[in-house]
């Protein structure tokens, strides 16, 4: 504790690091106190932010210290370092990945706590069944026939499958994909349109459906603790290609029901005649 206290005193006085530190972790920005980053002796962050020269650490274009790690999971690492307690949401399927982050940052106690949680067996929930919450197991058990000397031929039902395992049922639902885009057109549309890339593709719908369809390409940083059966309108995708989103939805069995779009037009400048068109478009997809 004496070493940690001395580090905190240096952070407020002679330390080259500011008392409040800005971090860029995998594109996510965090602001925290220097004493929080050095709260766990012999950890990676303790080693990084106890150095005498901050110039040795990588920084982004805005001067924030850069860490090439999972920006979403780092919030739980930082929460642990604030009071040295592990508190996770009730619905948190990322424990294995968080354990990997704890090992990277050399947080031994956090590694021990997460390992204990992963070793405990978790009972299957209704949401873990393929049909997503129907009352009963995903596949009905086939009745066993008692052994006898005579053979019995049971005619196959037309709807039955030739294989013993029944295919997992997919839950039905809706997903809305939206984006805002803009482009510039010259005078009388004679010049080629200057398209700008789509800034962000948003995803609205049930949390479990969105995670099923988009997986690791889904950015949950704006609504990270949403339970699987709740709805959200704060997710967005980590890529900017609409066709890629459509392909993922089609592969998951969704088809488009409707789309709508609005647009506005304004001149790019008072001097020129180029017009900037801005639009917002939504696509509604359905399965089942």
C-alpha atoms as a PDB file:
ATOM      1  CA  UNK A   1       0.000   0.000   0.000  1.00  0.00           C
ATOM      2  CA  UNK A   2       2.908   2.378   0.687  1.00  0.00           C
ATOM      3  CA  UNK A   3       4.077   1.999  -2.896  1.00  0.00           C
ATOM      4  CA  UNK A   4       0.592   2.597  -4.297  1.00  0.00           C
ATOM      5  CA  UNK A   5       0.142   5.645  -2.057  1.00  0.00           C
ATOM      6  CA  UNK A   6       3.444   7.085  -3.205  1.00  0.00           C
ATOM      7  CA  UNK A   7       2.443   6.599  -6.826  1.00  0.00           C
ATOM      8  CA  UNK A   8      -0.817   8.462  -6.206  1.00  0.00           C
ATOM      9  CA  UNK A   9       1.078  11.296  -4.597  1.00  0.00           C
ATOM     10  CA  UNK A  10       3.333  11.491  -7.624  1.00  0.00           C
ATOM     11  CA  UNK A  11       0.281  11.575  -9.894  1.00  0.00           C
ATOM     12  CA  UNK A  12      -0.952  14.676  -8.093  1.00  0.00           C
ATOM     13  CA  UNK A  13       2.446  16.293  -7.897  1.00  0.00           C
ATOM     14  CA  UNK A  14       5.724  15.412  -9.605  1.00  0.00           C
ATOM     15  CA  UNK A  15       4.514  12.610 -11.856  1.00  0.00           C
ATOM     16  CA  UNK A  16       4.803  13.295 -15.590  1.00  0.00           C
ATOM     17  CA  UNK A  17       1.331  11.773 -16.017  1.00  0.00           C
ATOM     18  CA  UNK A  18      -1.705  13.998 -15.438  1.00  0.00           C
ATOM     19  CA  UNK A  19      -4.049  13.267 -12.541  1.00  0.00           C
ATOM     20  CA  UNK A  20      -6.822  12.548 -15.079  1.00  0.00           C
ATOM     21  CA  UNK A  21      -5.799  10.298 -17.982  1.00  0.00           C
ATOM     22  CA  UNK A  22      -7.537   9.835 -21.344  1.00  0.00           C
ATOM     23  CA  UNK A  23      -7.326   6.402 -22.947  1.00  0.00           C
ATOM     24  CA  UNK A  24      -8.221   5.104 -26.388  1.00  0.00           C
ATOM     25  CA  UNK A  25      -8.855   1.372 -26.044  1.00  0.00           C
ATOM     26  CA  UNK A  26      -9.666  -0.217 -29.382  1.00  0.00           C
ATOM     27  CA  UNK A  27     -11.458   2.951 -30.530  1.00  0.00           C
ATOM     28  CA  UNK A  28     -13.405   3.455 -27.273  1.00  0.00           C
ATOM     29  CA  UNK A  29     -12.450   6.525 -25.232  1.00  0.00           C
ATOM     30  CA  UNK A  30     -12.116   6.256 -21.447  1.00  0.00           C
ATOM     31  CA  UNK A  31     -11.305   8.970 -18.921  1.00  0.00           C
ATOM     32  CA  UNK A  32     -10.073   7.922 -15.487  1.00  0.00           C
ATOM     33  CA  UNK A  33      -7.742   8.949 -12.691  1.00  0.00           C
ATOM     34  CA  UNK A  34      -4.083   8.050 -12.791  1.00  0.00           C
ATOM     35  CA  UNK A  35      -4.331   6.428  -9.365  1.00  0.00           C
ATOM     36  CA  UNK A  36      -6.933   4.014 -10.753  1.00  0.00           C
ATOM     37  CA  UNK A  37      -4.545   2.804 -13.463  1.00  0.00           C
ATOM     38  CA  UNK A  38      -1.826   2.071 -10.882  1.00  0.00           C
ATOM     39  CA  UNK A  39      -4.165   0.576  -8.267  1.00  0.00           C
ATOM     40  CA  UNK A  40      -2.940  -3.003  -8.858  1.00  0.00           C
ATOM     41  CA  UNK A  41       0.823  -3.337  -8.374  1.00  0.00           C
ATOM     42  CA  UNK A  42       2.767  -5.442 -10.894  1.00  0.00           C
ATOM     43  CA  UNK A  43      -0.085  -5.308 -13.418  1.00  0.00           C
ATOM     44  CA  UNK A  44       0.517  -4.223 -17.003  1.00  0.00           C
ATOM     45  CA  UNK A  45      -1.249  -0.870 -16.510  1.00  0.00           C
ATOM     46  CA  UNK A  46       0.701  -0.288 -13.294  1.00  0.00           C
ATOM     47  CA  UNK A  47       3.912  -0.868 -15.212  1.00  0.00           C
ATOM     48  CA  UNK A  48       2.878   1.362 -18.124  1.00  0.00           C
ATOM     49  CA  UNK A  49       1.712   4.334 -16.083  1.00  0.00           C
ATOM     50  CA  UNK A  50       4.487   4.194 -13.482  1.00  0.00           C
ATOM     51  CA  UNK A  51       7.129   4.982 -16.083  1.00  0.00           C
ATOM     52  CA  UNK A  52       9.053   8.195 -15.867  1.00  0.00           C
ATOM     53  CA  UNK A  53       8.373   9.207 -19.480  1.00  0.00           C
ATOM     54  CA  UNK A  54       4.847   9.175 -20.990  1.00  0.00           C
ATOM     55  CA  UNK A  55       6.472   9.644 -24.399  1.00  0.00           C
ATOM     56  CA  UNK A  56       7.351   5.955 -24.365  1.00  0.00           C
ATOM     57  CA  UNK A  57       3.672   4.983 -24.587  1.00  0.00           C
ATOM     58  CA  UNK A  58       1.779   4.905 -27.921  1.00  0.00           C
ATOM     59  CA  UNK A  59      -0.803   7.649 -28.495  1.00  0.00           C
ATOM     60  CA  UNK A  60      -3.556   8.291 -31.010  1.00  0.00           C
ATOM     61  CA  UNK A  61      -3.898  11.376 -33.214  1.00  0.00           C
ATOM     62  CA  UNK A  62      -5.495  13.354 -30.361  1.00  0.00           C
ATOM     63  CA  UNK A  63      -2.798  12.590 -27.810  1.00  0.00           C
ATOM     64  CA  UNK A  64      -4.731   9.928 -25.873  1.00  0.00           C
ATOM     65  CA  UNK A  65      -2.805   6.881 -24.661  1.00  0.00           C
ATOM     66  CA  UNK A  66      -3.646   4.016 -27.020  1.00  0.00           C
ATOM     67  CA  UNK A  67      -4.249   0.368 -26.070  1.00  0.00           C
ATOM     68  CA  UNK A  68      -4.919  -2.111 -28.867  1.00  0.00           C
ATOM     69  CA  UNK A  69      -7.405  -4.217 -26.877  1.00  0.00           C
ATOM     70  CA  UNK A  70     -11.161  -4.850 -26.782  1.00  0.00           C
ATOM     71  CA  UNK A  71     -12.718  -1.462 -26.030  1.00  0.00           C
ATOM     72  CA  UNK A  72     -16.053  -2.951 -24.945  1.00  0.00           C
ATOM     73  CA  UNK A  73     -14.580  -5.336 -22.356  1.00  0.00           C
ATOM     74  CA  UNK A  74     -12.124  -2.781 -20.985  1.00  0.00           C
ATOM     75  CA  UNK A  75     -14.967  -1.063 -19.098  1.00  0.00           C
ATOM     76  CA  UNK A  76     -15.159  -4.129 -16.825  1.00  0.00           C
ATOM     77  CA  UNK A  77     -11.387  -4.144 -16.364  1.00  0.00           C
ATOM     78  CA  UNK A  78     -11.530  -0.487 -15.358  1.00  0.00           C
ATOM     79  CA  UNK A  79     -14.486  -1.078 -13.016  1.00  0.00           C
ATOM     80  CA  UNK A  80     -12.506  -3.786 -11.246  1.00  0.00           C
ATOM     81  CA  UNK A  81      -9.484  -1.524 -10.812  1.00  0.00           C
ATOM     82  CA  UNK A  82     -11.595   1.220  -9.236  1.00  0.00           C
ATOM     83  CA  UNK A  83     -12.610  -0.765  -6.143  1.00  0.00           C
ATOM     84  CA  UNK A  84     -10.980  -4.201  -6.728  1.00  0.00           C
ATOM     85  CA  UNK A  85     -14.348  -5.952  -6.919  1.00  0.00           C
ATOM     86  CA  UNK A  86     -15.777  -7.992  -9.780  1.00  0.00           C
ATOM     87  CA  UNK A  87     -19.351  -6.962 -10.609  1.00  0.00           C
ATOM     88  CA  UNK A  88     -20.838  -8.202 -13.885  1.00  0.00           C
ATOM     89  CA  UNK A  89     -24.345  -7.950 -15.369  1.00  0.00           C
ATOM     90  CA  UNK A  90     -26.770 -10.847 -14.915  1.00  0.00           C
ATOM     91  CA  UNK A  91     -26.697 -11.541 -18.650  1.00  0.00           C
ATOM     92  CA  UNK A  92     -23.003 -11.573 -19.515  1.00  0.00           C
ATOM     93  CA  UNK A  93     -21.851 -14.226 -22.020  1.00  0.00           C
ATOM     94  CA  UNK A  94     -18.363 -12.726 -22.471  1.00  0.00           C
ATOM     95  CA  UNK A  95     -16.644 -14.150 -19.380  1.00  0.00           C
ATOM     96  CA  UNK A  96     -14.159 -16.195 -21.395  1.00  0.00           C
ATOM     97  CA  UNK A  97     -13.123 -13.163 -23.419  1.00  0.00           C
ATOM     98  CA  UNK A  98     -12.929 -11.018 -20.272  1.00  0.00           C
ATOM     99  CA  UNK A  99     -10.664 -13.675 -18.732  1.00  0.00           C
ATOM    100  CA  UNK A 100      -8.361 -13.301 -21.722  1.00  0.00           C
ATOM    101  CA  UNK A 101      -8.252  -9.526 -21.175  1.00  0.00           C
ATOM    102  CA  UNK A 102      -7.519  -9.994 -17.460  1.00  0.00           C
ATOM    103  CA  UNK A 103      -4.622 -12.300 -18.338  1.00  0.00           C
ATOM    104  CA  UNK A 104      -3.274  -9.753 -20.806  1.00  0.00           C
ATOM    105  CA  UNK A 105      -3.385  -6.939 -18.242  1.00  0.00           C
ATOM    106  CA  UNK A 106      -1.801  -9.282 -15.636  1.00  0.00           C
ATOM    107  CA  UNK A 107      -4.582  -8.857 -13.084  1.00  0.00           C
ATOM    108  CA  UNK A 108      -4.050 -12.050 -11.128  1.00  0.00           C
ATOM    109  CA  UNK A 109      -6.951 -11.686  -8.704  1.00  0.00           C
ATOM    110  CA  UNK A 110      -9.388 -10.866 -11.507  1.00  0.00           C
ATOM    111  CA  UNK A 111      -8.140 -13.938 -13.386  1.00  0.00           C
ATOM    112  CA  UNK A 112      -8.801 -16.071 -10.309  1.00  0.00           C
ATOM    113  CA  UNK A 113     -12.340 -14.722  -9.827  1.00  0.00           C
ATOM    114  CA  UNK A 114     -13.272 -15.204 -13.471  1.00  0.00           C
ATOM    115  CA  UNK A 115     -11.791 -18.699 -13.552  1.00  0.00           C
ATOM    116  CA  UNK A 116     -13.931 -19.661 -10.551  1.00  0.00           C
ATOM    117  CA  UNK A 117     -17.077 -18.387 -12.272  1.00  0.00           C
ATOM    118  CA  UNK A 118     -16.266 -20.268 -15.472  1.00  0.00           C
ATOM    119  CA  UNK A 119     -15.713 -23.508 -13.551  1.00  0.00           C
ATOM    120  CA  UNK A 120     -19.166 -23.325 -11.972  1.00  0.00           C
ATOM    121  CA  UNK A 121     -21.762 -25.168 -14.108  1.00  0.00           C
ATOM    122  CA  UNK A 122     -24.589 -22.929 -15.293  1.00  0.00           C
ATOM    123  CA  UNK A 123     -28.041 -24.487 -15.734  1.00  0.00           C
ATOM    124  CA  UNK A 124     -29.463 -24.189 -19.259  1.00  0.00           C
ATOM    125  CA  UNK A 125     -31.948 -21.378 -19.654  1.00  0.00           C
ATOM    126  CA  UNK A 126     -34.894 -21.124 -22.010  1.00  0.00           C
ATOM    127  CA  UNK A 127     -33.046 -18.569 -24.065  1.00  0.00           C
ATOM    128  CA  UNK A 128     -30.263 -21.078 -24.780  1.00  0.00           C
ATOM    129  CA  UNK A 129     -32.665 -23.398 -26.621  1.00  0.00           C
ATOM    130  CA  UNK A 130     -32.655 -23.024 -30.396  1.00  0.00           C
ATOM    131  CA  UNK A 131     -36.323 -22.001 -30.502  1.00  0.00           C
ATOM    132  CA  UNK A 132     -35.513 -19.153 -28.097  1.00  0.00           C
ATOM    133  CA  UNK A 133     -37.893 -19.592 -25.210  1.00  0.00           C
ATOM    134  CA  UNK A 134     -40.525 -22.179 -26.015  1.00  0.00           C
ATOM    135  CA  UNK A 135     -41.673 -24.210 -23.065  1.00  0.00           C
ATOM    136  CA  UNK A 136     -39.908 -27.519 -23.350  1.00  0.00           C
ATOM    137  CA  UNK A 137     -36.723 -28.995 -24.801  1.00  0.00           C
ATOM    138  CA  UNK A 138     -35.708 -28.113 -28.373  1.00  0.00           C
ATOM    139  CA  UNK A 139     -36.383 -31.594 -29.750  1.00  0.00           C
ATOM    140  CA  UNK A 140     -38.887 -34.128 -28.469  1.00  0.00           C
ATOM    141  CA  UNK A 141     -37.348 -37.403 -27.430  1.00  0.00           C
ATOM    142  CA  UNK A 142     -38.278 -40.322 -29.625  1.00  0.00           C
ATOM    143  CA  UNK A 143     -40.269 -43.071 -27.846  1.00  0.00           C
ATOM    144  CA  UNK A 144     -38.411 -46.305 -27.335  1.00  0.00           C
ATOM    145  CA  UNK A 145     -39.958 -49.574 -28.481  1.00  0.00           C
ATOM    146  CA  UNK A 146     -39.732 -52.520 -26.130  1.00  0.00           C
ATOM    147  CA  UNK A 147     -37.671 -55.374 -27.452  1.00  0.00           C
ATOM    148  CA  UNK A 148     -39.678 -58.342 -28.697  1.00  0.00           C
ATOM    149  CA  UNK A 149     -39.256 -61.332 -30.910  1.00  0.00           C
ATOM    150  CA  UNK A 150     -41.478 -59.872 -33.612  1.00  0.00           C
ATOM    151  CA  UNK A 151     -40.397 -56.943 -35.738  1.00  0.00           C
ATOM    152  CA  UNK A 152     -42.648 -53.946 -36.131  1.00  0.00           C
ATOM    153  CA  UNK A 153     -42.481 -51.648 -39.124  1.00  0.00           C
ATOM    154  CA  UNK A 154     -43.451 -48.069 -38.368  1.00  0.00           C
ATOM    155  CA  UNK A 155     -44.337 -46.011 -41.437  1.00  0.00           C
ATOM    156  CA  UNK A 156     -42.384 -42.780 -41.682  1.00  0.00           C
ATOM    157  CA  UNK A 157     -44.308 -39.576 -41.469  1.00  0.00           C
ATOM    158  CA  UNK A 158     -44.015 -37.322 -44.537  1.00  0.00           C
ATOM    159  CA  UNK A 159     -42.928 -34.435 -42.296  1.00  0.00           C
ATOM    160  CA  UNK A 160     -40.311 -36.459 -40.431  1.00  0.00           C
ATOM    161  CA  UNK A 161     -36.640 -36.113 -41.263  1.00  0.00           C
ATOM    162  CA  UNK A 162     -34.492 -38.955 -42.439  1.00  0.00           C
ATOM    163  CA  UNK A 163     -31.853 -38.128 -39.845  1.00  0.00           C
ATOM    164  CA  UNK A 164     -32.170 -38.806 -36.134  1.00  0.00           C
ATOM    165  CA  UNK A 165     -31.387 -35.229 -35.122  1.00  0.00           C
ATOM    166  CA  UNK A 166     -34.003 -32.576 -35.686  1.00  0.00           C
ATOM    167  CA  UNK A 167     -32.795 -29.232 -37.077  1.00  0.00           C
ATOM    168  CA  UNK A 168     -32.755 -26.359 -34.602  1.00  0.00           C
ATOM    169  CA  UNK A 169     -35.776 -24.116 -34.832  1.00  0.00           C
ATOM    170  CA  UNK A 170     -35.165 -20.418 -35.475  1.00  0.00           C
ATOM    171  CA  UNK A 171     -37.094 -17.859 -33.528  1.00  0.00           C
ATOM    172  CA  UNK A 172     -39.186 -15.398 -35.454  1.00  0.00           C
ATOM    173  CA  UNK A 173     -38.838 -11.653 -35.186  1.00  0.00           C
ATOM    174  CA  UNK A 174     -38.051  -8.344 -36.829  1.00  0.00           C
ATOM    175  CA  UNK A 175     -34.812  -6.417 -37.292  1.00  0.00           C
ATOM    176  CA  UNK A 176     -34.617  -2.857 -38.613  1.00  0.00           C
ATOM    177  CA  UNK A 177     -31.404  -1.667 -40.275  1.00  0.00           C
ATOM    178  CA  UNK A 178     -30.918   2.061 -40.862  1.00  0.00           C
ATOM    179  CA  UNK A 179     -28.242   4.386 -42.163  1.00  0.00           C
ATOM    180  CA  UNK A 180     -27.663   8.066 -42.840  1.00  0.00           C
ATOM    181  CA  UNK A 181     -25.787   9.004 -46.003  1.00  0.00           C
ATOM    182  CA  UNK A 182     -24.997  12.029 -48.121  1.00  0.00           C
ATOM    183  CA  UNK A 183     -23.611  12.806 -51.554  1.00  0.00           C
ATOM    184  CA  UNK A 184     -22.834  15.834 -53.707  1.00  0.00           C
ATOM    185  CA  UNK A 185     -24.141  16.463 -57.248  1.00  0.00           C
ATOM    186  CA  UNK A 186     -22.803  19.164 -59.519  1.00  0.00           C
ATOM    187  CA  UNK A 187     -24.664  21.676 -61.642  1.00  0.00           C
ATOM    188  CA  UNK A 188     -27.579  20.173 -63.588  1.00  0.00           C
ATOM    189  CA  UNK A 189     -26.280  16.735 -62.604  1.00  0.00           C
ATOM    190  CA  UNK A 190     -23.624  17.017 -65.349  1.00  0.00           C
ATOM    191  CA  UNK A 191     -20.751  16.197 -63.027  1.00  0.00           C
ATOM    192  CA  UNK A 192     -20.324  12.771 -61.542  1.00  0.00           C
ATOM    193  CA  UNK A 193     -21.908  12.367 -58.129  1.00  0.00           C
ATOM    194  CA  UNK A 194     -19.367  12.549 -55.307  1.00  0.00           C
ATOM    195  CA  UNK A 195     -20.534   9.888 -52.897  1.00  0.00           C
ATOM    196  CA  UNK A 196     -19.525   9.816 -49.264  1.00  0.00           C
ATOM    197  CA  UNK A 197     -19.250   6.593 -47.362  1.00  0.00           C
ATOM    198  CA  UNK A 198     -21.996   5.579 -44.963  1.00  0.00           C
ATOM    199  CA  UNK A 199     -20.983   6.816 -41.541  1.00  0.00           C
ATOM    200  CA  UNK A 200     -22.811   4.209 -39.447  1.00  0.00           C
ATOM    201  CA  UNK A 201     -25.332   1.385 -39.887  1.00  0.00           C
ATOM    202  CA  UNK A 202     -27.738   1.132 -36.957  1.00  0.00           C
ATOM    203  CA  UNK A 203     -29.548  -2.010 -35.794  1.00  0.00           C
ATOM    204  CA  UNK A 204     -32.876  -2.062 -33.918  1.00  0.00           C
ATOM    205  CA  UNK A 205     -34.706  -5.089 -32.576  1.00  0.00           C
ATOM    206  CA  UNK A 206     -34.476  -7.836 -29.956  1.00  0.00           C
ATOM    207  CA  UNK A 207     -31.005  -8.146 -28.463  1.00  0.00           C
ATOM    208  CA  UNK A 208     -30.748 -11.912 -28.906  1.00  0.00           C
ATOM    209  CA  UNK A 209     -31.761 -11.723 -32.579  1.00  0.00           C
ATOM    210  CA  UNK A 210     -29.262  -8.963 -33.336  1.00  0.00           C
ATOM    211  CA  UNK A 211     -26.423 -10.934 -31.712  1.00  0.00           C
ATOM    212  CA  UNK A 212     -27.442 -14.111 -33.532  1.00  0.00           C
ATOM    213  CA  UNK A 213     -27.378 -12.433 -36.944  1.00  0.00           C
ATOM    214  CA  UNK A 214     -24.407 -10.069 -36.679  1.00  0.00           C
ATOM    215  CA  UNK A 215     -22.227 -11.752 -34.020  1.00  0.00           C
ATOM    216  CA  UNK A 216     -18.830 -10.142 -33.561  1.00  0.00           C
ATOM    217  CA  UNK A 217     -19.596  -7.440 -36.129  1.00  0.00           C
ATOM    218  CA  UNK A 218     -22.180  -5.910 -33.748  1.00  0.00           C
ATOM    219  CA  UNK A 219     -21.001  -2.949 -31.672  1.00  0.00           C
ATOM    220  CA  UNK A 220     -22.761  -3.067 -28.289  1.00  0.00           C
ATOM    221  CA  UNK A 221     -20.811  -0.284 -26.579  1.00  0.00           C
ATOM    222  CA  UNK A 222     -23.805   2.093 -26.372  1.00  0.00           C
ATOM    223  CA  UNK A 223     -26.072  -0.546 -24.770  1.00  0.00           C
ATOM    224  CA  UNK A 224     -23.780  -3.278 -23.379  1.00  0.00           C
ATOM    225  CA  UNK A 225     -25.904  -4.725 -20.548  1.00  0.00           C
ATOM    226  CA  UNK A 226     -29.177  -5.249 -22.369  1.00  0.00           C
ATOM    227  CA  UNK A 227     -30.778  -8.655 -21.484  1.00  0.00           C
ATOM    228  CA  UNK A 228     -31.302 -10.992 -24.469  1.00  0.00           C
ATOM    229  CA  UNK A 229     -35.112 -10.774 -24.465  1.00  0.00           C
ATOM    230  CA  UNK A 230     -35.223  -6.970 -24.305  1.00  0.00           C
ATOM    231  CA  UNK A 231     -35.298  -4.642 -27.297  1.00  0.00           C
ATOM    232  CA  UNK A 232     -32.749  -1.992 -28.212  1.00  0.00           C
ATOM    233  CA  UNK A 233     -32.282   0.762 -30.772  1.00  0.00           C
ATOM    234  CA  UNK A 234     -28.700   1.649 -29.804  1.00  0.00           C
ATOM    235  CA  UNK A 235     -26.663  -1.036 -31.574  1.00  0.00           C
ATOM    236  CA  UNK A 236     -24.637  -0.353 -34.706  1.00  0.00           C
ATOM    237  CA  UNK A 237     -22.349  -2.386 -36.939  1.00  0.00           C
ATOM    238  CA  UNK A 238     -18.566  -2.329 -37.089  1.00  0.00           C
ATOM    239  CA  UNK A 239     -18.605  -2.161 -40.897  1.00  0.00           C
ATOM    240  CA  UNK A 240     -20.114   0.355 -43.327  1.00  0.00           C
ATOM    241  CA  UNK A 241     -21.326  -1.831 -46.203  1.00  0.00           C
ATOM    242  CA  UNK A 242     -25.086  -2.275 -46.514  1.00  0.00           C
ATOM    243  CA  UNK A 243     -24.711  -5.323 -48.757  1.00  0.00           C
ATOM    244  CA  UNK A 244     -22.693  -7.071 -46.057  1.00  0.00           C
ATOM    245  CA  UNK A 245     -25.507  -6.491 -43.558  1.00  0.00           C
ATOM    246  CA  UNK A 246     -28.062  -7.760 -46.092  1.00  0.00           C
ATOM    247  CA  UNK A 247     -25.995 -10.896 -46.711  1.00  0.00           C
ATOM    248  CA  UNK A 248     -25.838 -11.694 -42.996  1.00  0.00           C
ATOM    249  CA  UNK A 249     -29.587 -11.210 -42.643  1.00  0.00           C
ATOM    250  CA  UNK A 250     -30.289 -13.420 -45.666  1.00  0.00           C
ATOM    251  CA  UNK A 251     -28.009 -16.158 -44.340  1.00  0.00           C
ATOM    252  CA  UNK A 252     -29.954 -16.072 -41.058  1.00  0.00           C
ATOM    253  CA  UNK A 253     -33.256 -16.573 -42.880  1.00  0.00           C
ATOM    254  CA  UNK A 254     -34.542 -12.986 -42.873  1.00  0.00           C
ATOM    255  CA  UNK A 255     -36.233 -11.336 -45.839  1.00  0.00           C
ATOM    256  CA  UNK A 256     -37.009  -7.673 -46.432  1.00  0.00           C
ATOM    257  CA  UNK A 257     -40.558  -6.522 -45.769  1.00  0.00           C
ATOM    258  CA  UNK A 258     -40.379  -2.786 -46.354  1.00  0.00           C
ATOM    259  CA  UNK A 259     -38.102   0.219 -46.563  1.00  0.00           C
ATOM    260  CA  UNK A 260     -38.528   3.961 -46.238  1.00  0.00           C
ATOM    261  CA  UNK A 261     -36.312   6.955 -46.854  1.00  0.00           C
ATOM    262  CA  UNK A 262     -36.289  10.717 -46.342  1.00  0.00           C
ATOM    263  CA  UNK A 263     -33.977  13.256 -47.923  1.00  0.00           C
ATOM    264  CA  UNK A 264     -33.029  16.924 -47.807  1.00  0.00           C
ATOM    265  CA  UNK A 265     -31.048  19.103 -50.191  1.00  0.00           C
ATOM    266  CA  UNK A 266     -28.808  22.112 -49.539  1.00  0.00           C
ATOM    267  CA  UNK A 267     -26.129  24.020 -51.417  1.00  0.00           C
ATOM    268  CA  UNK A 268     -22.575  23.076 -50.481  1.00  0.00           C
ATOM    269  CA  UNK A 269     -21.542  26.752 -50.280  1.00  0.00           C
ATOM    270  CA  UNK A 270     -22.815  30.209 -51.080  1.00  0.00           C
ATOM    271  CA  UNK A 271     -20.395  30.546 -53.989  1.00  0.00           C
ATOM    272  CA  UNK A 272     -20.750  27.187 -55.717  1.00  0.00           C
ATOM    273  CA  UNK A 273     -23.685  25.385 -57.272  1.00  0.00           C
ATOM    274  CA  UNK A 274     -22.974  21.919 -55.918  1.00  0.00           C
ATOM    275  CA  UNK A 275     -25.856  20.449 -53.960  1.00  0.00           C
ATOM    276  CA  UNK A 276     -25.516  18.152 -50.962  1.00  0.00           C
ATOM    277  CA  UNK A 277     -28.224  15.549 -50.566  1.00  0.00           C
ATOM    278  CA  UNK A 278     -28.639  13.987 -47.125  1.00  0.00           C
ATOM    279  CA  UNK A 279     -30.884  10.979 -46.598  1.00  0.00           C
ATOM    280  CA  UNK A 280     -31.927   8.588 -43.857  1.00  0.00           C
ATOM    281  CA  UNK A 281     -33.128   5.124 -44.878  1.00  0.00           C
ATOM    282  CA  UNK A 282     -34.509   2.188 -42.897  1.00  0.00           C
ATOM    283  CA  UNK A 283     -35.022  -1.423 -43.992  1.00  0.00           C
ATOM    284  CA  UNK A 284     -37.341  -3.763 -42.087  1.00  0.00           C
ATOM    285  CA  UNK A 285     -36.462  -7.482 -42.150  1.00  0.00           C
ATOM    286  CA  UNK A 286     -38.572 -10.378 -40.861  1.00  0.00           C
ATOM    287  CA  UNK A 287     -38.079 -14.067 -40.147  1.00  0.00           C
ATOM    288  CA  UNK A 288     -40.867 -16.539 -39.464  1.00  0.00           C
END
